[in-house]
């Protein structure tokens, strides 16, 4: 459980750092983005039958969560920002 939160926080912070939008620097939003990204990344990898990347330990899970978080931020800023106000 602790590693899930650490991976979520790191993935959210990395995703917020590499996306070009102006994101709030709060740590709670990093948790939210990272955890949503880990679910999204894991779901997409399972969908395209590439579950092996998740099995590469901490760094594999961090990569999957970060890619999912970047995709989450892209979807949010592209289509949902004006419809849904999230504290990110």
N, C-alpha and C. Protein backbone atom coordinates (compact mmCIF):
# COMPACT_ATOMS: atom_id res chain seq x y z
N UNK A 1 0.82 -1.19 0.00
CA UNK A 1 0.00 0.00 0.00
C UNK A 1 0.87 1.26 0.00
N UNK A 2 1.92 1.25 0.79
CA UNK A 2 2.82 2.41 0.84
C UNK A 2 3.51 2.61 -0.50
N UNK A 3 3.95 1.51 -1.13
CA UNK A 3 4.63 1.64 -2.42
C UNK A 3 3.67 2.16 -3.48
N UNK A 4 2.39 1.79 -3.39
CA UNK A 4 1.39 2.29 -4.33
C UNK A 4 1.27 3.82 -4.22
N UNK A 5 1.26 4.34 -2.99
CA UNK A 5 1.18 5.79 -2.79
C UNK A 5 2.45 6.49 -3.24
N UNK A 6 3.61 5.88 -2.98
CA UNK A 6 4.87 6.48 -3.39
C UNK A 6 4.96 6.53 -4.93
N UNK A 7 4.58 5.44 -5.57
CA UNK A 7 4.60 5.41 -7.03
C UNK A 7 3.61 6.43 -7.59
N UNK A 8 2.43 6.52 -6.98
CA UNK A 8 1.44 7.50 -7.43
C UNK A 8 1.92 8.92 -7.30
N UNK A 9 2.54 9.23 -6.16
CA UNK A 9 3.07 10.58 -5.95
C UNK A 9 4.18 10.91 -6.95
N UNK A 10 5.13 9.99 -7.10
CA UNK A 10 6.24 10.24 -8.03
C UNK A 10 5.75 10.36 -9.47
N UNK A 11 4.84 9.49 -9.86
CA UNK A 11 4.32 9.54 -11.23
C UNK A 11 3.58 10.84 -11.48
N UNK A 12 2.77 11.28 -10.52
CA UNK A 12 2.06 12.54 -10.67
C UNK A 12 2.99 13.73 -10.74
N UNK A 13 4.02 13.73 -9.90
CA UNK A 13 4.98 14.83 -9.90
C UNK A 13 5.77 14.87 -11.21
N UNK A 14 6.18 13.71 -11.69
CA UNK A 14 6.92 13.65 -12.96
C UNK A 14 6.03 14.09 -14.11
N UNK A 15 4.79 13.60 -14.14
CA UNK A 15 3.87 13.97 -15.22
C UNK A 15 3.58 15.46 -15.21
N UNK A 16 3.39 16.04 -14.02
CA UNK A 16 3.15 17.48 -13.94
C UNK A 16 4.38 18.26 -14.38
N UNK A 17 5.56 17.70 -14.17
CA UNK A 17 6.78 18.39 -14.56
C UNK A 17 7.07 18.34 -16.05
N UNK A 18 6.62 17.30 -16.75
CA UNK A 18 6.96 17.18 -18.16
C UNK A 18 5.84 17.62 -19.10
N UNK A 19 4.66 17.92 -18.57
CA UNK A 19 3.60 18.43 -19.43
C UNK A 19 3.73 19.95 -19.54
N UNK A 20 3.35 20.52 -20.67
CA UNK A 20 3.57 21.96 -20.87
C UNK A 20 2.53 22.86 -20.20
N UNK A 21 1.48 22.32 -19.58
CA UNK A 21 0.46 23.15 -18.96
C UNK A 21 0.94 23.68 -17.61
N UNK A 22 0.28 24.74 -17.18
CA UNK A 22 0.58 25.28 -15.85
C UNK A 22 -0.23 24.50 -14.83
N UNK A 23 0.45 23.68 -14.06
CA UNK A 23 -0.20 22.85 -13.04
C UNK A 23 0.05 23.44 -11.67
N UNK A 24 -0.91 23.27 -10.77
CA UNK A 24 -0.70 23.67 -9.38
C UNK A 24 0.38 22.78 -8.77
N UNK A 25 1.27 23.35 -7.96
CA UNK A 25 2.38 22.55 -7.43
C UNK A 25 2.03 21.73 -6.19
N UNK A 26 0.79 21.54 -5.87
CA UNK A 26 0.41 20.84 -4.65
C UNK A 26 0.69 19.35 -4.69
N UNK A 27 0.97 18.79 -3.52
CA UNK A 27 1.30 17.36 -3.45
C UNK A 27 0.05 16.50 -3.49
N UNK A 28 -1.10 17.04 -3.07
CA UNK A 28 -2.34 16.25 -3.13
C UNK A 28 -2.74 16.03 -4.58
N UNK A 29 -2.59 17.05 -5.40
CA UNK A 29 -2.92 16.88 -6.82
C UNK A 29 -1.94 15.91 -7.49
N UNK A 30 -0.70 15.86 -7.03
CA UNK A 30 0.24 14.88 -7.57
C UNK A 30 -0.20 13.46 -7.24
N UNK A 31 -0.70 13.25 -6.02
CA UNK A 31 -1.25 11.93 -5.67
C UNK A 31 -2.43 11.57 -6.57
N UNK A 32 -3.34 12.51 -6.74
CA UNK A 32 -4.55 12.24 -7.54
C UNK A 32 -4.18 11.91 -8.97
N UNK A 33 -3.32 12.72 -9.57
CA UNK A 33 -2.91 12.50 -10.95
C UNK A 33 -2.15 11.19 -11.09
N UNK A 34 -1.24 10.92 -10.18
CA UNK A 34 -0.44 9.70 -10.25
C UNK A 34 -1.26 8.44 -10.06
N UNK A 35 -2.18 8.45 -9.12
CA UNK A 35 -3.01 7.27 -8.89
C UNK A 35 -3.96 7.05 -10.06
N UNK A 36 -4.56 8.13 -10.57
CA UNK A 36 -5.41 7.99 -11.76
C UNK A 36 -4.58 7.49 -12.94
N UNK A 37 -3.36 7.99 -13.06
CA UNK A 37 -2.48 7.55 -14.14
C UNK A 37 -2.07 6.10 -14.01
N UNK A 38 -1.87 5.64 -12.79
CA UNK A 38 -1.49 4.24 -12.62
C UNK A 38 -2.64 3.31 -13.00
N UNK A 39 -3.86 3.70 -12.65
CA UNK A 39 -5.01 2.90 -13.07
C UNK A 39 -5.16 2.93 -14.59
N UNK A 40 -5.03 4.12 -15.19
CA UNK A 40 -5.18 4.25 -16.64
C UNK A 40 -4.07 3.51 -17.38
N UNK A 41 -2.84 3.66 -16.94
CA UNK A 41 -1.73 2.97 -17.59
C UNK A 41 -1.82 1.47 -17.46
N UNK A 42 -2.18 0.99 -16.27
CA UNK A 42 -2.34 -0.45 -16.07
C UNK A 42 -3.47 -1.02 -16.90
N UNK A 43 -4.58 -0.28 -16.99
CA UNK A 43 -5.71 -0.73 -17.81
C UNK A 43 -5.33 -0.81 -19.28
N UNK A 44 -4.63 0.21 -19.76
CA UNK A 44 -4.24 0.20 -21.18
C UNK A 44 -3.25 -0.91 -21.50
N UNK A 45 -2.31 -1.16 -20.60
CA UNK A 45 -1.36 -2.24 -20.84
C UNK A 45 -2.03 -3.61 -20.80
N UNK A 46 -2.97 -3.78 -19.90
CA UNK A 46 -3.71 -5.04 -19.88
C UNK A 46 -4.56 -5.20 -21.13
N UNK A 47 -5.09 -4.09 -21.64
CA UNK A 47 -5.93 -4.14 -22.83
C UNK A 47 -5.14 -4.56 -24.06
N UNK A 48 -3.91 -4.08 -24.18
CA UNK A 48 -3.11 -4.44 -25.36
C UNK A 48 -2.16 -5.60 -25.07
N UNK A 49 -2.42 -6.30 -23.97
CA UNK A 49 -1.70 -7.53 -23.60
C UNK A 49 -0.19 -7.31 -23.42
N UNK A 50 0.18 -6.23 -22.75
CA UNK A 50 1.59 -5.95 -22.43
C UNK A 50 1.77 -5.87 -20.92
N UNK A 51 1.19 -6.80 -20.19
CA UNK A 51 1.25 -6.79 -18.74
C UNK A 51 2.66 -7.05 -18.22
N UNK A 52 3.56 -7.52 -19.04
CA UNK A 52 4.91 -7.84 -18.60
C UNK A 52 5.67 -6.63 -18.09
N UNK A 53 5.38 -5.44 -18.62
CA UNK A 53 6.09 -4.23 -18.18
C UNK A 53 5.77 -3.92 -16.73
N UNK A 54 4.57 -4.22 -16.28
CA UNK A 54 4.20 -3.97 -14.90
C UNK A 54 5.00 -4.86 -13.95
N UNK A 55 5.40 -6.03 -14.42
CA UNK A 55 6.12 -6.97 -13.58
C UNK A 55 7.59 -6.66 -13.38
N UNK A 56 8.10 -5.56 -13.90
CA UNK A 56 9.51 -5.23 -13.76
C UNK A 56 9.81 -4.43 -12.49
N UNK A 57 9.04 -4.63 -11.46
CA UNK A 57 9.31 -4.03 -10.16
C UNK A 57 8.92 -2.57 -10.08
N UNK A 58 9.59 -1.89 -9.19
CA UNK A 58 9.26 -0.50 -8.88
C UNK A 58 9.35 0.40 -10.10
N UNK A 59 10.43 0.28 -10.85
CA UNK A 59 10.63 1.19 -11.99
C UNK A 59 9.67 0.90 -13.13
N UNK A 60 9.32 -0.35 -13.34
CA UNK A 60 8.33 -0.68 -14.36
C UNK A 60 6.97 -0.09 -14.02
N UNK A 61 6.59 -0.20 -12.75
CA UNK A 61 5.32 0.37 -12.31
C UNK A 61 5.35 1.89 -12.37
N UNK A 62 6.50 2.47 -12.06
CA UNK A 62 6.63 3.93 -12.13
C UNK A 62 6.51 4.42 -13.57
N UNK A 63 7.10 3.72 -14.51
CA UNK A 63 7.01 4.09 -15.92
C UNK A 63 5.57 4.01 -16.40
N UNK A 64 4.89 2.91 -16.06
CA UNK A 64 3.50 2.73 -16.47
C UNK A 64 2.62 3.82 -15.86
N UNK A 65 2.80 4.10 -14.58
CA UNK A 65 2.00 5.12 -13.90
C UNK A 65 2.28 6.51 -14.47
N UNK A 66 3.54 6.81 -14.78
CA UNK A 66 3.88 8.11 -15.34
C UNK A 66 3.29 8.29 -16.73
N UNK A 67 3.38 7.28 -17.57
CA UNK A 67 2.77 7.37 -18.90
C UNK A 67 1.26 7.52 -18.80
N UNK A 68 0.65 6.80 -17.87
CA UNK A 68 -0.79 6.94 -17.66
C UNK A 68 -1.15 8.32 -17.14
N UNK A 69 -0.33 8.88 -16.26
CA UNK A 69 -0.59 10.21 -15.72
C UNK A 69 -0.44 11.29 -16.79
N UNK A 70 0.55 11.14 -17.66
CA UNK A 70 0.70 12.09 -18.78
C UNK A 70 -0.52 12.02 -19.69
N UNK A 71 -0.97 10.81 -19.97
CA UNK A 71 -2.17 10.63 -20.79
C UNK A 71 -3.40 11.22 -20.09
N UNK A 72 -3.50 11.02 -18.78
CA UNK A 72 -4.60 11.59 -18.01
C UNK A 72 -4.60 13.11 -18.10
N UNK A 73 -3.43 13.74 -17.93
CA UNK A 73 -3.34 15.20 -18.04
C UNK A 73 -3.66 15.69 -19.44
N UNK A 74 -3.23 14.94 -20.46
CA UNK A 74 -3.54 15.32 -21.84
C UNK A 74 -5.05 15.30 -22.07
N UNK A 75 -5.69 14.22 -21.65
CA UNK A 75 -7.15 14.12 -21.82
C UNK A 75 -7.86 15.23 -21.05
N UNK A 76 -7.40 15.47 -19.84
CA UNK A 76 -8.03 16.51 -19.02
C UNK A 76 -7.90 17.88 -19.68
N UNK A 77 -6.71 18.27 -20.08
CA UNK A 77 -6.50 19.60 -20.65
C UNK A 77 -7.07 19.74 -22.05
N UNK A 78 -7.14 18.65 -22.78
CA UNK A 78 -7.63 18.71 -24.15
C UNK A 78 -9.15 18.80 -24.21
N UNK A 79 -9.84 17.98 -23.41
CA UNK A 79 -11.29 17.88 -23.56
C UNK A 79 -12.10 18.20 -22.32
N UNK A 80 -11.55 18.07 -21.14
CA UNK A 80 -12.38 18.15 -19.94
C UNK A 80 -12.16 19.39 -19.07
N UNK A 81 -11.16 20.20 -19.36
CA UNK A 81 -10.82 21.31 -18.47
C UNK A 81 -11.98 22.31 -18.32
N UNK A 82 -12.67 22.62 -19.41
CA UNK A 82 -13.75 23.58 -19.35
C UNK A 82 -15.04 22.98 -18.81
N UNK A 83 -15.16 21.65 -18.84
CA UNK A 83 -16.38 20.98 -18.39
C UNK A 83 -16.31 20.57 -16.92
N UNK A 84 -15.13 20.16 -16.49
CA UNK A 84 -14.93 19.67 -15.12
C UNK A 84 -13.82 20.47 -14.47
N UNK A 85 -14.09 21.03 -13.33
CA UNK A 85 -13.07 21.79 -12.61
C UNK A 85 -12.46 20.89 -11.53
N UNK A 86 -11.25 20.40 -11.79
CA UNK A 86 -10.52 19.61 -10.82
C UNK A 86 -9.43 20.47 -10.18
N UNK A 87 -9.07 20.19 -8.95
CA UNK A 87 -8.05 21.01 -8.27
C UNK A 87 -6.63 20.59 -8.66
N UNK A 88 -6.34 20.53 -9.97
CA UNK A 88 -5.00 20.15 -10.39
C UNK A 88 -4.34 21.22 -11.20
